[in-house]
Amino acid sequence: MIYTAHYDSPLGGMTMACDGIALVGLWFDGQKYFGAPGGAEENADIPVFRETMKWLDVYFAGENPGFVPQLSLNGSPFRRAVWDRLLGIPYGSTVTYGEIAEELGRRYGRRMSAQAVGGAVGHNPVSLIVPCHRVVGSDGSLTGYAGGVDKKLRLLALEGADVSALKMPDM
């Protein structure tokens, strides 16, 4: 059974999903690849939801939460490897899609493309906690955030990242 709950963030509503034990999804309402399943039961009184809400409260207060709620990330081995790498990006820092591709290429002994990494980053089911907003283009462009690049910029600024050299995409 999948359960959902709602969180009102300063950047808009968010939907959380869990399997009763671990968080399986966290999305800004209406974002690209919004994954809240139909037929899920709404129930905010589940320990992982309370823990996630605490994480979000601390995060949106402009502080590093310092912990990660229990996660269950379902995806291909490649996507899970990318998401695991995202979890290692320090609060307030950024890395490029290319840097992640190079790291994974060294780990697996074959070339990885930045575009493939971008696809995995874009399908991250647990926004913010698995910090896909901390990945930028090699030229500093704010590309590839399913919640919208305006939110990506605001999240990085909230974390105290140096956003002065980052570029909004041409629209």
C-alpha atoms as a PDB file:
ATOM      1  CA  MET A   1       0.000   0.000   0.000  1.00  0.00           C
ATOM      2  CA  ILE A   2       1.192   3.492  -0.822  1.00  0.00           C
ATOM      3  CA  TYR A   3       0.296   6.402   1.436  1.00  0.00           C
ATOM      4  CA  THR A   4       0.483  10.116   0.692  1.00  0.00           C
ATOM      5  CA  ALA A   5       0.545  13.293   2.726  1.00  0.00           C
ATOM      6  CA  HIS A   6       0.755  16.975   1.890  1.00  0.00           C
ATOM      7  CA  TYR A   7       3.301  19.585   2.962  1.00  0.00           C
ATOM      8  CA  ASP A   8       2.944  23.337   2.431  1.00  0.00           C
ATOM      9  CA  SER A   9       6.419  24.664   1.600  1.00  0.00           C
ATOM     10  CA  PRO A  10       7.383  28.298   1.010  1.00  0.00           C
ATOM     11  CA  LEU A  11       7.787  27.332  -2.670  1.00  0.00           C
ATOM     12  CA  GLY A  12       4.383  25.681  -2.980  1.00  0.00           C
ATOM     13  CA  GLY A  13       2.581  22.507  -2.046  1.00  0.00           C
ATOM     14  CA  MET A  14       4.450  19.220  -1.932  1.00  0.00           C
ATOM     15  CA  THR A  15       3.213  15.652  -1.944  1.00  0.00           C
ATOM     16  CA  MET A  16       5.002  12.917  -0.028  1.00  0.00           C
ATOM     17  CA  ALA A  17       4.523   9.196  -0.696  1.00  0.00           C
ATOM     18  CA  CYS A  18       5.631   6.250   1.408  1.00  0.00           C
ATOM     19  CA  ASP A  19       5.206   2.498   1.588  1.00  0.00           C
ATOM     20  CA  GLY A  20       4.341   2.689   5.292  1.00  0.00           C
ATOM     21  CA  ILE A  21       7.996   2.506   6.333  1.00  0.00           C
ATOM     22  CA  ALA A  22      10.181   4.460   3.902  1.00  0.00           C
ATOM     23  CA  LEU A  23       9.715   7.575   1.788  1.00  0.00           C
ATOM     24  CA  VAL A  24       9.287   6.627  -1.868  1.00  0.00           C
ATOM     25  CA  GLY A  25       8.400  10.036  -3.290  1.00  0.00           C
ATOM     26  CA  LEU A  26       8.510  13.769  -2.637  1.00  0.00           C
ATOM     27  CA  TRP A  27       7.386  16.163  -5.338  1.00  0.00           C
ATOM     28  CA  PHE A  28       6.358  19.753  -5.777  1.00  0.00           C
ATOM     29  CA  ASP A  29       2.704  19.593  -6.735  1.00  0.00           C
ATOM     30  CA  GLY A  30       2.357  19.603 -10.503  1.00  0.00           C
ATOM     31  CA  GLN A  31       6.054  19.192 -11.271  1.00  0.00           C
ATOM     32  CA  LYS A  32       7.275  17.294 -14.304  1.00  0.00           C
ATOM     33  CA  TYR A  33       7.353  13.532 -13.594  1.00  0.00           C
ATOM     34  CA  PHE A  34       4.982  14.014 -10.652  1.00  0.00           C
ATOM     35  CA  GLY A  35       4.734  10.493  -9.342  1.00  0.00           C
ATOM     36  CA  ALA A  36       2.019  10.340  -6.695  1.00  0.00           C
ATOM     37  CA  PRO A  37       0.142   7.175  -7.593  1.00  0.00           C
ATOM     38  CA  GLY A  38      -3.582   7.077  -8.077  1.00  0.00           C
ATOM     39  CA  GLY A  39      -5.442   5.128  -5.425  1.00  0.00           C
ATOM     40  CA  ALA A  40      -2.946   5.950  -2.681  1.00  0.00           C
ATOM     41  CA  GLU A  41      -4.389   6.434   0.782  1.00  0.00           C
ATOM     42  CA  GLU A  42      -3.838   9.799   2.445  1.00  0.00           C
ATOM     43  CA  ASN A  43      -2.445   9.402   5.962  1.00  0.00           C
ATOM     44  CA  ALA A  44      -0.054  11.973   7.435  1.00  0.00           C
ATOM     45  CA  ASP A  45       0.295  10.075  10.722  1.00  0.00           C
ATOM     46  CA  ILE A  46       3.052   7.737   9.583  1.00  0.00           C
ATOM     47  CA  PRO A  47       6.475   8.027  11.267  1.00  0.00           C
ATOM     48  CA  VAL A  48       8.406   8.573   8.019  1.00  0.00           C
ATOM     49  CA  PHE A  49       6.035  11.421   7.084  1.00  0.00           C
ATOM     50  CA  ARG A  50       6.546  13.076  10.475  1.00  0.00           C
ATOM     51  CA  GLU A  51      10.325  12.688  10.027  1.00  0.00           C
ATOM     52  CA  THR A  52      10.125  14.096   6.477  1.00  0.00           C
ATOM     53  CA  MET A  53       8.057  17.072   7.639  1.00  0.00           C
ATOM     54  CA  LYS A  54      10.660  17.755  10.332  1.00  0.00           C
ATOM     55  CA  TRP A  55      13.397  17.557   7.655  1.00  0.00           C
ATOM     56  CA  LEU A  56      11.466  19.985   5.435  1.00  0.00           C
ATOM     57  CA  ASP A  57      10.797  22.410   8.330  1.00  0.00           C
ATOM     58  CA  VAL A  58      14.526  22.549   9.152  1.00  0.00           C
ATOM     59  CA  TYR A  59      15.489  22.816   5.473  1.00  0.00           C
ATOM     60  CA  PHE A  60      13.065  25.650   4.686  1.00  0.00           C
ATOM     61  CA  ALA A  61      14.289  27.473   7.807  1.00  0.00           C
ATOM     62  CA  GLY A  62      17.593  27.748   5.904  1.00  0.00           C
ATOM     63  CA  GLU A  63      19.469  25.112   7.865  1.00  0.00           C
ATOM     64  CA  ASN A  64      21.096  21.801   6.955  1.00  0.00           C
ATOM     65  CA  PRO A  65      18.807  19.106   8.402  1.00  0.00           C
ATOM     66  CA  GLY A  66      21.807  16.828   9.031  1.00  0.00           C
ATOM     67  CA  PHE A  67      19.803  13.632   8.609  1.00  0.00           C
ATOM     68  CA  VAL A  68      17.939  11.792   5.875  1.00  0.00           C
ATOM     69  CA  PRO A  69      14.565  10.119   6.424  1.00  0.00           C
ATOM     70  CA  GLN A  70      14.437   6.441   5.528  1.00  0.00           C
ATOM     71  CA  LEU A  71      14.244   6.178   1.726  1.00  0.00           C
ATOM     72  CA  SER A  72      13.243   3.461  -0.709  1.00  0.00           C
ATOM     73  CA  LEU A  73      14.296   4.591  -4.187  1.00  0.00           C
ATOM     74  CA  ASN A  74      12.992   2.418  -6.994  1.00  0.00           C
ATOM     75  CA  GLY A  75      14.706   2.645 -10.345  1.00  0.00           C
ATOM     76  CA  SER A  76      17.244   1.014 -12.618  1.00  0.00           C
ATOM     77  CA  PRO A  77      20.713   0.295 -11.209  1.00  0.00           C
ATOM     78  CA  PHE A  78      22.061   3.281 -13.174  1.00  0.00           C
ATOM     79  CA  ARG A  79      19.427   5.659 -11.805  1.00  0.00           C
ATOM     80  CA  ARG A  80      19.977   4.401  -8.266  1.00  0.00           C
ATOM     81  CA  ALA A  81      23.747   4.978  -8.683  1.00  0.00           C
ATOM     82  CA  VAL A  82      23.081   8.564  -9.792  1.00  0.00           C
ATOM     83  CA  TRP A  83      20.650   9.179  -6.923  1.00  0.00           C
ATOM     84  CA  ASP A  84      23.159   7.734  -4.454  1.00  0.00           C
ATOM     85  CA  ARG A  85      25.751  10.181  -5.804  1.00  0.00           C
ATOM     86  CA  LEU A  86      23.281  13.047  -5.389  1.00  0.00           C
ATOM     87  CA  LEU A  87      22.941  12.172  -1.706  1.00  0.00           C
ATOM     88  CA  GLY A  88      26.671  12.846  -1.380  1.00  0.00           C
ATOM     89  CA  ILE A  89      26.542  16.429  -2.668  1.00  0.00           C
ATOM     90  CA  PRO A  90      27.133  18.671   0.349  1.00  0.00           C
ATOM     91  CA  TYR A  91      24.500  21.185   1.429  1.00  0.00           C
ATOM     92  CA  GLY A  92      25.118  24.508  -0.304  1.00  0.00           C
ATOM     93  CA  SER A  93      27.342  22.995  -3.018  1.00  0.00           C
ATOM     94  CA  THR A  94      26.852  22.190  -6.677  1.00  0.00           C
ATOM     95  CA  VAL A  95      28.307  19.661  -9.111  1.00  0.00           C
ATOM     96  CA  THR A  96      27.840  19.335 -12.848  1.00  0.00           C
ATOM     97  CA  TYR A  97      26.149  16.573 -14.789  1.00  0.00           C
ATOM     98  CA  GLY A  98      29.498  15.967 -16.485  1.00  0.00           C
ATOM     99  CA  GLU A  99      31.329  15.554 -13.179  1.00  0.00           C
ATOM    100  CA  ILE A 100      28.834  12.920 -12.074  1.00  0.00           C
ATOM    101  CA  ALA A 101      29.141  11.153 -15.438  1.00  0.00           C
ATOM    102  CA  GLU A 102      32.951  11.098 -15.117  1.00  0.00           C
ATOM    103  CA  GLU A 103      32.772   9.738 -11.553  1.00  0.00           C
ATOM    104  CA  LEU A 104      30.346   6.984 -12.513  1.00  0.00           C
ATOM    105  CA  GLY A 105      32.387   6.198 -15.623  1.00  0.00           C
ATOM    106  CA  ARG A 106      35.478   5.646 -13.493  1.00  0.00           C
ATOM    107  CA  ARG A 107      33.501   3.503 -11.063  1.00  0.00           C
ATOM    108  CA  TYR A 108      32.029   1.274 -13.784  1.00  0.00           C
ATOM    109  CA  GLY A 109      34.981   1.328 -16.173  1.00  0.00           C
ATOM    110  CA  ARG A 110      33.068   2.739 -19.134  1.00  0.00           C
ATOM    111  CA  ARG A 111      32.088   6.135 -20.456  1.00  0.00           C
ATOM    112  CA  MET A 112      28.885   7.650 -19.084  1.00  0.00           C
ATOM    113  CA  SER A 113      27.149  10.565 -20.751  1.00  0.00           C
ATOM    114  CA  ALA A 114      26.117  13.745 -18.997  1.00  0.00           C
ATOM    115  CA  GLN A 115      22.776  13.442 -20.825  1.00  0.00           C
ATOM    116  CA  ALA A 116      22.131  10.006 -19.284  1.00  0.00           C
ATOM    117  CA  VAL A 117      22.963  11.433 -15.873  1.00  0.00           C
ATOM    118  CA  GLY A 118      20.557  14.301 -16.596  1.00  0.00           C
ATOM    119  CA  GLY A 119      17.789  11.833 -17.377  1.00  0.00           C
ATOM    120  CA  ALA A 120      18.349  10.024 -14.080  1.00  0.00           C
ATOM    121  CA  VAL A 121      18.550  13.296 -12.151  1.00  0.00           C
ATOM    122  CA  GLY A 122      15.304  14.493 -13.758  1.00  0.00           C
ATOM    123  CA  HIS A 123      13.478  11.327 -12.699  1.00  0.00           C
ATOM    124  CA  ASN A 124      14.605  11.532  -9.073  1.00  0.00           C
ATOM    125  CA  PRO A 125      11.500  10.520  -7.100  1.00  0.00           C
ATOM    126  CA  VAL A 126      12.479  12.284  -3.846  1.00  0.00           C
ATOM    127  CA  SER A 127      13.061  15.973  -4.579  1.00  0.00           C
ATOM    128  CA  LEU A 128      15.098  18.071  -2.157  1.00  0.00           C
ATOM    129  CA  ILE A 129      16.134  15.214   0.145  1.00  0.00           C
ATOM    130  CA  VAL A 130      17.899  13.579  -2.795  1.00  0.00           C
ATOM    131  CA  PRO A 131      19.278  16.959  -3.871  1.00  0.00           C
ATOM    132  CA  CYS A 132      18.912  17.000  -7.649  1.00  0.00           C
ATOM    133  CA  HIS A 133      18.683  20.814  -7.460  1.00  0.00           C
ATOM    134  CA  ARG A 134      22.428  20.846  -6.683  1.00  0.00           C
ATOM    135  CA  VAL A 135      23.335  19.635 -10.186  1.00  0.00           C
ATOM    136  CA  VAL A 136      24.043  22.300 -12.815  1.00  0.00           C
ATOM    137  CA  GLY A 137      25.249  22.460 -16.377  1.00  0.00           C
ATOM    138  CA  SER A 138      28.988  22.560 -17.097  1.00  0.00           C
ATOM    139  CA  ASP A 139      28.683  26.256 -18.003  1.00  0.00           C
ATOM    140  CA  GLY A 140      26.799  27.067 -14.778  1.00  0.00           C
ATOM    141  CA  SER A 141      23.382  26.939 -16.410  1.00  0.00           C
ATOM    142  CA  LEU A 142      20.407  25.994 -14.274  1.00  0.00           C
ATOM    143  CA  THR A 143      19.127  23.194 -16.439  1.00  0.00           C
ATOM    144  CA  GLY A 144      17.102  20.140 -15.668  1.00  0.00           C
ATOM    145  CA  TYR A 145      14.982  20.663 -12.566  1.00  0.00           C
ATOM    146  CA  ALA A 146      11.592  18.973 -12.770  1.00  0.00           C
ATOM    147  CA  GLY A 147      10.171  21.457 -10.255  1.00  0.00           C
ATOM    148  CA  GLY A 148      11.252  24.406 -12.422  1.00  0.00           C
ATOM    149  CA  VAL A 149      14.513  26.319 -12.654  1.00  0.00           C
ATOM    150  CA  ASP A 150      13.067  29.217 -10.655  1.00  0.00           C
ATOM    151  CA  LYS A 151      12.664  26.849  -7.690  1.00  0.00           C
ATOM    152  CA  LYS A 152      16.136  25.407  -8.290  1.00  0.00           C
ATOM    153  CA  LEU A 153      17.677  28.878  -8.001  1.00  0.00           C
ATOM    154  CA  ARG A 154      15.673  29.657  -4.853  1.00  0.00           C
ATOM    155  CA  LEU A 155      16.687  26.338  -3.244  1.00  0.00           C
ATOM    156  CA  LEU A 156      20.371  26.918  -3.936  1.00  0.00           C
ATOM    157  CA  ALA A 157      20.124  30.467  -2.577  1.00  0.00           C
ATOM    158  CA  LEU A 158      18.343  29.156   0.534  1.00  0.00           C
ATOM    159  CA  GLU A 159      21.298  26.819   1.105  1.00  0.00           C
ATOM    160  CA  GLY A 160      23.743  29.695   0.809  1.00  0.00           C
ATOM    161  CA  ALA A 161      25.271  28.405  -2.433  1.00  0.00           C
ATOM    162  CA  ASP A 162      27.095  30.976  -4.556  1.00  0.00           C
ATOM    163  CA  VAL A 163      24.484  31.583  -7.235  1.00  0.00           C
ATOM    164  CA  SER A 164      26.148  34.673  -8.718  1.00  0.00           C
ATOM    165  CA  ALA A 165      27.715  32.760 -11.628  1.00  0.00           C
ATOM    166  CA  LEU A 166      24.712  30.534 -12.356  1.00  0.00           C
ATOM    167  CA  LYS A 167      22.719  31.212 -15.516  1.00  0.00           C
ATOM    168  CA  MET A 168      19.022  30.946 -16.153  1.00  0.00           C
ATOM    169  CA  PRO A 169      18.291  29.079 -19.400  1.00  0.00           C
ATOM    170  CA  ASP A 170      17.137  31.004 -22.440  1.00  0.00           C
ATOM    171  CA  MET A 171      13.379  30.926 -22.491  1.00  0.00           C
END
